[in-house]
Amino acid sequence: MRYQKGFTLVELLVVLLLLGLMLALAGPRITSGLGSASLKSTARKIATTLRYARGQAVAKKTPHEVFFDNEAGVYGIEEVASRQDLTSPSDSAGSPNPAEKTGNLQTFKLPEEIKLKENNSITFYPNGSSSGGDVILSNQKGKGYLIEVDIITGLVRISRDEGTEG
């Protein structure tokens, strides 16, 4: 009697059935981790954008503002026109003029499941310093990341935010 090499159709069907069961059981666990990965990835992208804005402010010697808009689900970088005079000559009270935007704008979309705690903006100056501030991201499960920008050095740090609620 001659033995043939290979698998029978029944053996292949049993293996496919076992793989299908394993995927059905493991599938929900795999997809639940994707939300956390998306949150971490978004936090890193925002931190990179902040670092880029700081670098551009130093390189171009003009302030750059990174703004966050939770309602529109976007964040972006805008170059701010450099002003020598901080007060208007016609303004006797001496209050500062609002920053003039140059129109050089780059915007980025946030994933729909990720929200910002508040709308804010952080400005980076030509000497490397910044207006400072925090950006808090959270997902629908209440997990979050805190992105801190140092006011003196303009350096950006990312950490998990334990106080975030969904």
N, C-alpha and C. Protein backbone atom coordinates (compact mmCIF):
# COMPACT_ATOMS: atom_id res chain seq x y z
N MET A 1 0.83 -1.17 0.00
CA MET A 1 0.00 0.00 0.00
C MET A 1 0.88 1.25 0.00
N ARG A 2 0.54 2.19 -0.82
CA ARG A 2 1.29 3.43 -0.95
C ARG A 2 0.68 4.53 -0.08
N TYR A 3 1.53 5.23 0.67
CA TYR A 3 1.06 6.35 1.49
C TYR A 3 1.28 7.65 0.73
N GLN A 4 0.29 8.46 0.71
CA GLN A 4 0.41 9.75 0.03
C GLN A 4 0.76 10.82 1.05
N LYS A 5 1.63 11.72 0.64
CA LYS A 5 2.01 12.83 1.52
C LYS A 5 0.97 13.93 1.40
N GLY A 6 0.70 14.61 2.53
CA GLY A 6 -0.26 15.71 2.51
C GLY A 6 -1.31 15.55 3.59
N PHE A 7 -2.28 16.47 3.55
CA PHE A 7 -3.34 16.49 4.55
C PHE A 7 -4.66 16.15 3.88
N THR A 8 -5.53 15.53 4.66
CA THR A 8 -6.86 15.23 4.14
C THR A 8 -7.74 16.46 4.28
N LEU A 9 -8.83 16.46 3.59
CA LEU A 9 -9.77 17.57 3.64
C LEU A 9 -10.34 17.73 5.05
N VAL A 10 -10.58 16.64 5.73
CA VAL A 10 -11.12 16.68 7.10
C VAL A 10 -10.12 17.34 8.04
N GLU A 11 -8.85 17.00 7.90
CA GLU A 11 -7.82 17.61 8.76
C GLU A 11 -7.74 19.11 8.53
N LEU A 12 -7.79 19.54 7.28
CA LEU A 12 -7.75 20.97 6.98
C LEU A 12 -8.97 21.70 7.55
N LEU A 13 -10.14 21.10 7.47
CA LEU A 13 -11.35 21.72 8.01
C LEU A 13 -11.29 21.84 9.53
N VAL A 14 -10.72 20.84 10.20
CA VAL A 14 -10.58 20.90 11.66
C VAL A 14 -9.64 22.04 12.05
N VAL A 15 -8.54 22.18 11.34
CA VAL A 15 -7.59 23.26 11.64
C VAL A 15 -8.24 24.62 11.40
N LEU A 16 -8.96 24.78 10.31
CA LEU A 16 -9.65 26.04 10.04
C LEU A 16 -10.71 26.35 11.09
N LEU A 17 -11.41 25.34 11.56
CA LEU A 17 -12.41 25.53 12.60
C LEU A 17 -11.74 26.00 13.90
N LEU A 18 -10.63 25.38 14.26
CA LEU A 18 -9.91 25.79 15.48
C LEU A 18 -9.38 27.22 15.35
N LEU A 19 -8.84 27.57 14.20
CA LEU A 19 -8.36 28.95 14.00
C LEU A 19 -9.51 29.95 14.07
N GLY A 20 -10.64 29.60 13.52
CA GLY A 20 -11.81 30.47 13.59
C GLY A 20 -12.29 30.70 15.01
N LEU A 21 -12.30 29.64 15.82
CA LEU A 21 -12.69 29.77 17.23
C LEU A 21 -11.70 30.64 17.99
N MET A 22 -10.42 30.44 17.74
CA MET A 22 -9.40 31.25 18.44
C MET A 22 -9.54 32.72 18.07
N LEU A 23 -9.77 33.01 16.81
CA LEU A 23 -9.93 34.39 16.36
C LEU A 23 -11.20 35.01 16.95
N ALA A 24 -12.27 34.24 17.04
CA ALA A 24 -13.52 34.75 17.61
C ALA A 24 -13.35 35.09 19.08
N LEU A 25 -12.56 34.31 19.80
CA LEU A 25 -12.34 34.58 21.22
C LEU A 25 -11.34 35.71 21.44
N ALA A 26 -10.32 35.78 20.60
CA ALA A 26 -9.26 36.78 20.79
C ALA A 26 -9.59 38.11 20.11
N GLY A 27 -10.49 38.13 19.16
CA GLY A 27 -10.81 39.34 18.40
C GLY A 27 -11.18 40.55 19.24
N PRO A 28 -12.13 40.41 20.18
CA PRO A 28 -12.50 41.57 21.00
C PRO A 28 -11.33 42.11 21.83
N ARG A 29 -10.47 41.24 22.27
CA ARG A 29 -9.32 41.71 23.06
C ARG A 29 -8.34 42.48 22.20
N ILE A 30 -8.18 42.07 20.97
CA ILE A 30 -7.27 42.76 20.07
C ILE A 30 -7.81 44.15 19.74
N THR A 31 -9.09 44.25 19.41
CA THR A 31 -9.65 45.54 19.03
C THR A 31 -9.75 46.50 20.21
N SER A 32 -9.87 46.00 21.43
CA SER A 32 -9.93 46.90 22.58
C SER A 32 -8.60 47.58 22.81
N GLY A 33 -7.52 46.96 22.43
CA GLY A 33 -6.20 47.57 22.57
C GLY A 33 -5.91 48.61 21.52
N LEU A 34 -6.66 48.61 20.44
CA LEU A 34 -6.42 49.57 19.36
C LEU A 34 -6.76 50.99 19.79
N GLY A 35 -7.77 51.18 20.64
CA GLY A 35 -8.12 52.51 21.12
C GLY A 35 -7.01 53.13 21.93
N SER A 36 -6.37 52.35 22.78
CA SER A 36 -5.24 52.85 23.57
C SER A 36 -4.06 53.17 22.68
N ALA A 37 -3.84 52.34 21.67
CA ALA A 37 -2.74 52.59 20.74
C ALA A 37 -2.99 53.88 19.96
N SER A 38 -4.23 54.12 19.56
CA SER A 38 -4.57 55.34 18.84
C SER A 38 -4.37 56.57 19.72
N LEU A 39 -4.74 56.47 20.99
CA LEU A 39 -4.56 57.57 21.93
C LEU A 39 -3.08 57.89 22.12
N LYS A 40 -2.28 56.87 22.31
CA LYS A 40 -0.83 57.06 22.50
C LYS A 40 -0.20 57.64 21.24
N SER A 41 -0.61 57.14 20.09
CA SER A 41 -0.09 57.63 18.82
C SER A 41 -0.45 59.11 18.62
N THR A 42 -1.67 59.48 18.95
CA THR A 42 -2.10 60.87 18.81
C THR A 42 -1.33 61.77 19.77
N ALA A 43 -1.10 61.31 20.99
CA ALA A 43 -0.32 62.09 21.95
C ALA A 43 1.09 62.32 21.42
N ARG A 44 1.68 61.30 20.84
CA ARG A 44 3.03 61.44 20.27
C ARG A 44 3.04 62.40 19.08
N LYS A 45 2.01 62.34 18.25
CA LYS A 45 1.93 63.25 17.10
C LYS A 45 1.80 64.70 17.55
N ILE A 46 0.98 64.94 18.57
CA ILE A 46 0.82 66.30 19.07
C ILE A 46 2.12 66.79 19.69
N ALA A 47 2.80 65.93 20.45
CA ALA A 47 4.09 66.30 21.03
C ALA A 47 5.10 66.63 19.94
N THR A 48 5.10 65.85 18.88
CA THR A 48 5.99 66.11 17.75
C THR A 48 5.66 67.44 17.09
N THR A 49 4.37 67.74 16.96
CA THR A 49 3.94 69.02 16.39
C THR A 49 4.41 70.18 17.26
N LEU A 50 4.29 70.03 18.57
CA LEU A 50 4.75 71.07 19.49
C LEU A 50 6.26 71.27 19.37
N ARG A 51 7.00 70.19 19.30
CA ARG A 51 8.47 70.29 19.15
C ARG A 51 8.84 70.93 17.81
N TYR A 52 8.09 70.57 16.77
CA TYR A 52 8.33 71.16 15.45
C TYR A 52 8.08 72.67 15.49
N ALA A 53 7.00 73.09 16.14
CA ALA A 53 6.67 74.51 16.23
C ALA A 53 7.77 75.26 16.97
N ARG A 54 8.30 74.66 18.03
CA ARG A 54 9.40 75.28 18.77
C ARG A 54 10.62 75.44 17.86
N GLY A 55 10.94 74.38 17.13
CA GLY A 55 12.08 74.43 16.21
C GLY A 55 11.90 75.48 15.12
N GLN A 56 10.68 75.59 14.59
CA GLN A 56 10.42 76.59 13.56
C GLN A 56 10.50 78.01 14.12
N ALA A 57 10.04 78.20 15.34
CA ALA A 57 10.12 79.53 15.96
C ALA A 57 11.57 79.96 16.11
N VAL A 58 12.43 79.03 16.52
CA VAL A 58 13.85 79.35 16.69
C VAL A 58 14.51 79.56 15.33
N ALA A 59 14.24 78.66 14.38
CA ALA A 59 14.89 78.73 13.06
C ALA A 59 14.47 79.96 12.27
N LYS A 60 13.18 80.29 12.28
CA LYS A 60 12.68 81.41 11.49
C LYS A 60 12.69 82.73 12.26
N LYS A 61 12.99 82.65 13.55
CA LYS A 61 13.02 83.82 14.42
C LYS A 61 11.68 84.57 14.44
N THR A 62 10.60 83.79 14.38
CA THR A 62 9.25 84.35 14.52
C THR A 62 8.44 83.42 15.42
N PRO A 63 7.59 83.97 16.25
CA PRO A 63 6.76 83.13 17.12
C PRO A 63 5.85 82.21 16.30
N HIS A 64 5.63 81.02 16.83
CA HIS A 64 4.71 80.06 16.22
C HIS A 64 3.73 79.60 17.28
N GLU A 65 2.46 79.55 16.90
CA GLU A 65 1.40 79.16 17.84
C GLU A 65 0.83 77.81 17.43
N VAL A 66 0.68 76.93 18.42
CA VAL A 66 -0.01 75.66 18.21
C VAL A 66 -1.36 75.81 18.90
N PHE A 67 -2.43 75.64 18.13
CA PHE A 67 -3.78 75.81 18.69
C PHE A 67 -4.53 74.49 18.66
N PHE A 68 -5.51 74.37 19.55
CA PHE A 68 -6.31 73.16 19.68
C PHE A 68 -7.78 73.54 19.69
N ASP A 69 -8.57 72.89 18.84
CA ASP A 69 -10.01 73.16 18.76
C ASP A 69 -10.75 71.83 18.90
N ASN A 70 -11.30 71.60 20.08
CA ASN A 70 -11.98 70.33 20.37
C ASN A 70 -13.27 70.18 19.57
N GLU A 71 -14.02 71.27 19.40
CA GLU A 71 -15.29 71.20 18.68
C GLU A 71 -15.07 70.77 17.22
N ALA A 72 -14.07 71.36 16.58
CA ALA A 72 -13.78 71.01 15.18
C ALA A 72 -12.95 69.74 15.08
N GLY A 73 -12.37 69.31 16.19
CA GLY A 73 -11.54 68.11 16.18
C GLY A 73 -10.23 68.29 15.44
N VAL A 74 -9.64 69.49 15.54
CA VAL A 74 -8.38 69.78 14.85
C VAL A 74 -7.39 70.45 15.78
N TYR A 75 -6.14 70.38 15.38
CA TYR A 75 -5.09 71.17 16.00
C TYR A 75 -4.17 71.61 14.88
N GLY A 76 -3.39 72.66 15.12
CA GLY A 76 -2.54 73.14 14.04
C GLY A 76 -1.47 74.09 14.50
N ILE A 77 -0.62 74.45 13.55
CA ILE A 77 0.48 75.39 13.79
C ILE A 77 0.24 76.61 12.91
N GLU A 78 0.46 77.78 13.49
CA GLU A 78 0.37 79.00 12.70
C GLU A 78 1.52 79.91 13.08
N GLU A 79 2.15 80.46 12.06
CA GLU A 79 3.23 81.42 12.29
C GLU A 79 2.60 82.75 12.70
N VAL A 80 3.16 83.38 13.72
CA VAL A 80 2.64 84.64 14.22
C VAL A 80 3.60 85.73 13.77
N ALA A 81 3.07 86.82 13.20
CA ALA A 81 3.92 87.91 12.73
C ALA A 81 4.69 88.50 13.89
N SER A 82 5.95 88.72 13.67
CA SER A 82 6.81 89.31 14.70
C SER A 82 6.50 90.80 14.79
N ARG A 83 6.30 91.29 16.01
CA ARG A 83 5.99 92.71 16.21
C ARG A 83 7.04 93.31 17.13
N GLN A 84 7.60 94.42 16.69
CA GLN A 84 8.59 95.11 17.52
C GLN A 84 7.89 95.86 18.65
N ASP A 85 6.77 96.52 18.31
CA ASP A 85 6.05 97.28 19.33
C ASP A 85 4.90 96.43 19.87
N LEU A 86 4.88 96.21 21.15
CA LEU A 86 3.84 95.39 21.76
C LEU A 86 2.58 96.19 22.05
N THR A 87 2.67 97.52 22.01
CA THR A 87 1.48 98.33 22.26
C THR A 87 1.26 99.27 21.08
N SER A 88 0.03 99.56 20.85
CA SER A 88 -0.33 100.46 19.76
C SER A 88 -0.08 101.89 20.19
N PRO A 89 0.49 102.73 19.31
CA PRO A 89 0.73 104.12 19.69
C PRO A 89 -0.56 104.87 20.00
N SER A 90 -1.67 104.49 19.39
CA SER A 90 -2.93 105.20 19.64
C SER A 90 -3.63 104.70 20.90
N ASP A 91 -3.13 103.63 21.48
CA ASP A 91 -3.76 103.06 22.68
C ASP A 91 -3.10 103.66 23.91
N SER A 92 -3.78 104.58 24.56
CA SER A 92 -3.19 105.26 25.71
C SER A 92 -3.13 104.36 26.94
N ALA A 93 -3.96 103.34 27.00
CA ALA A 93 -3.95 102.46 28.17
C ALA A 93 -2.75 101.52 28.13
N GLY A 94 -2.15 101.35 26.96
CA GLY A 94 -0.97 100.51 26.86
C GLY A 94 -1.27 99.02 26.86
N SER A 95 -2.48 98.64 26.49
CA SER A 95 -2.79 97.21 26.46
C SER A 95 -2.17 96.58 25.22
N PRO A 96 -1.72 95.34 25.32
CA PRO A 96 -1.04 94.72 24.19
C PRO A 96 -1.99 94.45 23.02
N ASN A 97 -1.42 94.54 21.83
CA ASN A 97 -2.17 94.21 20.62
C ASN A 97 -2.31 92.70 20.51
N PRO A 98 -3.39 92.23 19.93
CA PRO A 98 -3.47 90.79 19.69
C PRO A 98 -2.43 90.39 18.64
N ALA A 99 -1.97 89.17 18.72
CA ALA A 99 -0.97 88.68 17.77
C ALA A 99 -1.56 88.66 16.37
N GLU A 100 -0.74 89.04 15.41
CA GLU A 100 -1.19 89.02 14.02
C GLU A 100 -0.74 87.71 13.39
N LYS A 101 -1.68 87.00 12.79
CA LYS A 101 -1.37 85.73 12.13
C LYS A 101 -0.89 86.02 10.71
N THR A 102 0.05 85.23 10.24
CA THR A 102 0.58 85.43 8.90
C THR A 102 -0.19 84.66 7.85
N GLY A 103 -1.03 83.75 8.27
CA GLY A 103 -1.75 82.93 7.30
C GLY A 103 -1.01 81.65 6.94
N ASN A 104 0.22 81.51 7.43
CA ASN A 104 1.00 80.29 7.19
C ASN A 104 0.49 79.24 8.18
N LEU A 105 -0.45 78.41 7.74
CA LEU A 105 -1.19 77.54 8.65
C LEU A 105 -1.09 76.08 8.23
N GLN A 106 -0.88 75.21 9.20
CA GLN A 106 -0.93 73.76 8.98
C GLN A 106 -1.91 73.20 10.01
N THR A 107 -2.89 72.43 9.56
CA THR A 107 -3.84 71.83 10.49
C THR A 107 -3.82 70.32 10.38
N PHE A 108 -4.18 69.68 11.49
CA PHE A 108 -4.20 68.22 11.58
C PHE A 108 -5.51 67.81 12.25
N LYS A 109 -6.08 66.71 11.79
CA LYS A 109 -7.35 66.22 12.32
C LYS A 109 -7.10 65.23 13.46
N LEU A 110 -7.87 65.37 14.53
CA LEU A 110 -7.83 64.41 15.63
C LEU A 110 -8.74 63.23 15.29
N PRO A 111 -8.37 62.02 15.70
CA PRO A 111 -9.30 60.88 15.53
C PRO A 111 -10.61 61.17 16.28
N GLU A 112 -11.72 60.68 15.75
CA GLU A 112 -13.03 61.01 16.32
C GLU A 112 -13.19 60.55 17.76
N GLU A 113 -12.55 59.45 18.14
CA GLU A 113 -12.72 58.91 19.49
C GLU A 113 -11.87 59.63 20.53
N ILE A 114 -11.02 60.55 20.10
CA ILE A 114 -10.12 61.24 21.03
C ILE A 114 -10.57 62.68 21.19
N LYS A 115 -10.66 63.11 22.45
CA LYS A 115 -11.11 64.46 22.76
C LYS A 115 -10.05 65.20 23.58
N LEU A 116 -10.06 66.51 23.43
CA LEU A 116 -9.21 67.38 24.23
C LEU A 116 -10.01 67.85 25.44
N LYS A 117 -9.33 68.06 26.55
CA LYS A 117 -10.05 68.52 27.74
C LYS A 117 -10.54 69.96 27.55
N GLU A 118 -9.73 70.78 26.88
CA GLU A 118 -10.13 72.17 26.66
C GLU A 118 -9.47 72.72 25.41
N ASN A 119 -10.04 73.78 24.88
CA ASN A 119 -9.42 74.48 23.76
C ASN A 119 -8.37 75.42 24.33
N ASN A 120 -7.20 75.38 23.78
CA ASN A 120 -6.16 76.31 24.21
C ASN A 120 -5.14 76.46 23.11
N SER A 121 -4.14 77.28 23.36
CA SER A 121 -3.06 77.43 22.40
C SER A 121 -1.76 77.64 23.17
N ILE A 122 -0.67 77.26 22.54
CA ILE A 122 0.66 77.41 23.13
C ILE A 122 1.52 78.11 22.09
N THR A 123 2.16 79.19 22.49
CA THR A 123 3.01 79.96 21.58
C THR A 123 4.47 79.70 21.91
N PHE A 124 5.26 79.47 20.87
CA PHE A 124 6.71 79.29 21.02
C PHE A 124 7.40 80.53 20.47
N TYR A 125 8.43 80.99 21.19
CA TYR A 125 9.12 82.22 20.85
C TYR A 125 10.49 81.93 20.25
N PRO A 126 11.08 82.92 19.54
CA PRO A 126 12.37 82.70 18.88
C PRO A 126 13.52 82.31 19.81
N ASN A 127 13.43 82.62 21.09
CA ASN A 127 14.50 82.24 22.02
C ASN A 127 14.32 80.82 22.57
N GLY A 128 13.31 80.09 22.09
CA GLY A 128 13.08 78.71 22.52
C GLY A 128 12.10 78.57 23.66
N SER A 129 11.73 79.68 24.29
CA SER A 129 10.76 79.61 25.39
C SER A 129 9.35 79.51 24.81
N SER A 130 8.38 79.40 25.71
CA SER A 130 6.99 79.26 25.26
C SER A 130 6.05 79.93 26.24
N SER A 131 4.79 79.99 25.86
CA SER A 131 3.77 80.49 26.78
C SER A 131 3.44 79.42 27.82
N GLY A 132 3.90 78.20 27.57
CA GLY A 132 3.67 77.09 28.51
C GLY A 132 2.23 76.62 28.48
N GLY A 133 2.02 75.47 29.06
CA GLY A 133 0.67 74.95 29.15
C GLY A 133 0.61 73.45 29.06
N ASP A 134 -0.58 72.94 29.22
CA ASP A 134 -0.83 71.50 29.18
C ASP A 134 -1.88 71.19 28.12
N VAL A 135 -1.73 70.03 27.51
CA VAL A 135 -2.74 69.51 26.60
C VAL A 135 -3.14 68.15 27.16
N ILE A 136 -4.43 67.98 27.42
CA ILE A 136 -4.91 66.72 27.98
C ILE A 136 -5.82 66.04 26.96
N LEU A 137 -5.44 64.82 26.58
CA LEU A 137 -6.20 64.02 25.63
C LEU A 137 -6.88 62.89 26.38
N SER A 138 -8.06 62.50 25.94
CA SER A 138 -8.71 61.33 26.53
C SER A 138 -9.50 60.59 25.46
N ASN A 139 -9.70 59.30 25.69
CA ASN A 139 -10.53 58.52 24.77
C ASN A 139 -11.86 58.22 25.46
N GLN A 140 -12.71 57.45 24.82
CA GLN A 140 -14.05 57.18 25.34
C GLN A 140 -14.02 56.30 26.58
N LYS A 141 -12.93 55.60 26.80
CA LYS A 141 -12.82 54.72 27.97
C LYS A 141 -12.27 55.43 29.19
N GLY A 142 -11.98 56.72 29.06
CA GLY A 142 -11.48 57.49 30.19
C GLY A 142 -9.97 57.47 30.35
N LYS A 143 -9.27 56.79 29.45
CA LYS A 143 -7.81 56.81 29.52
C LYS A 143 -7.33 58.11 28.91
N GLY A 144 -6.18 58.59 29.39
CA GLY A 144 -5.71 59.87 28.89
C GLY A 144 -4.22 60.04 28.92
N TYR A 145 -3.77 61.07 28.23
CA TYR A 145 -2.36 61.47 28.22
C TYR A 145 -2.28 62.96 28.48
N LEU A 146 -1.25 63.34 29.22
CA LEU A 146 -0.98 64.73 29.53
C LEU A 146 0.29 65.12 28.79
N ILE A 147 0.21 66.19 28.00
CA ILE A 147 1.37 66.72 27.30
C ILE A 147 1.67 68.07 27.92
N GLU A 148 2.84 68.19 28.53
CA GLU A 148 3.23 69.41 29.23
C GLU A 148 4.29 70.15 28.43
N VAL A 149 4.14 71.48 28.36
CA VAL A 149 5.13 72.33 27.70
C VAL A 149 5.69 73.28 28.75
N ASP A 150 6.99 73.22 28.96
CA ASP A 150 7.65 74.06 29.95
C ASP A 150 7.68 75.50 29.46
N ILE A 151 7.35 76.43 30.34
CA ILE A 151 7.27 77.84 29.97
C ILE A 151 8.64 78.45 29.69
N ILE A 152 9.67 78.01 30.39
CA ILE A 152 11.00 78.61 30.24
C ILE A 152 11.78 77.97 29.08
N THR A 153 11.83 76.66 29.06
CA THR A 153 12.65 75.97 28.06
C THR A 153 11.87 75.60 26.80
N GLY A 154 10.55 75.55 26.88
CA GLY A 154 9.74 75.14 25.74
C GLY A 154 9.78 73.65 25.47
N LEU A 155 10.39 72.88 26.37
CA LEU A 155 10.49 71.44 26.17
C LEU A 155 9.14 70.76 26.42
N VAL A 156 8.92 69.68 25.68
CA VAL A 156 7.64 68.98 25.69
C VAL A 156 7.81 67.62 26.35
N ARG A 157 6.88 67.28 27.26
CA ARG A 157 6.89 65.98 27.95
C ARG A 157 5.53 65.33 27.85
N ILE A 158 5.53 64.00 27.68
CA ILE A 158 4.28 63.24 27.63
C ILE A 158 4.23 62.31 28.84
N SER A 159 3.06 62.23 29.47
CA SER A 159 2.87 61.26 30.56
C SER A 159 1.41 60.81 30.55
N ARG A 160 1.16 59.69 31.20
CA ARG A 160 -0.23 59.22 31.33
C ARG A 160 -0.95 60.15 32.27
N ASP A 161 -2.19 60.44 31.96
CA ASP A 161 -3.00 61.30 32.82
C ASP A 161 -3.96 60.41 33.58
N GLU A 162 -3.72 60.28 34.86
CA GLU A 162 -4.55 59.41 35.70
C GLU A 162 -5.87 60.07 36.08
N GLY A 163 -5.94 61.40 36.01
CA GLY A 163 -7.15 62.09 36.46
C GLY A 163 -8.18 62.31 35.38
N THR A 164 -7.98 61.75 34.20
CA THR A 164 -8.91 61.97 33.09
C THR A 164 -10.15 61.10 33.24
N GLU A 165 -11.29 61.68 32.99
CA GLU A 165 -12.54 60.91 32.99
C GLU A 165 -13.19 61.07 31.64
N GLY A 166 -13.79 59.97 31.13
CA GLY A 166 -14.36 59.97 29.79
C GLY A 166 -15.59 60.69 29.61
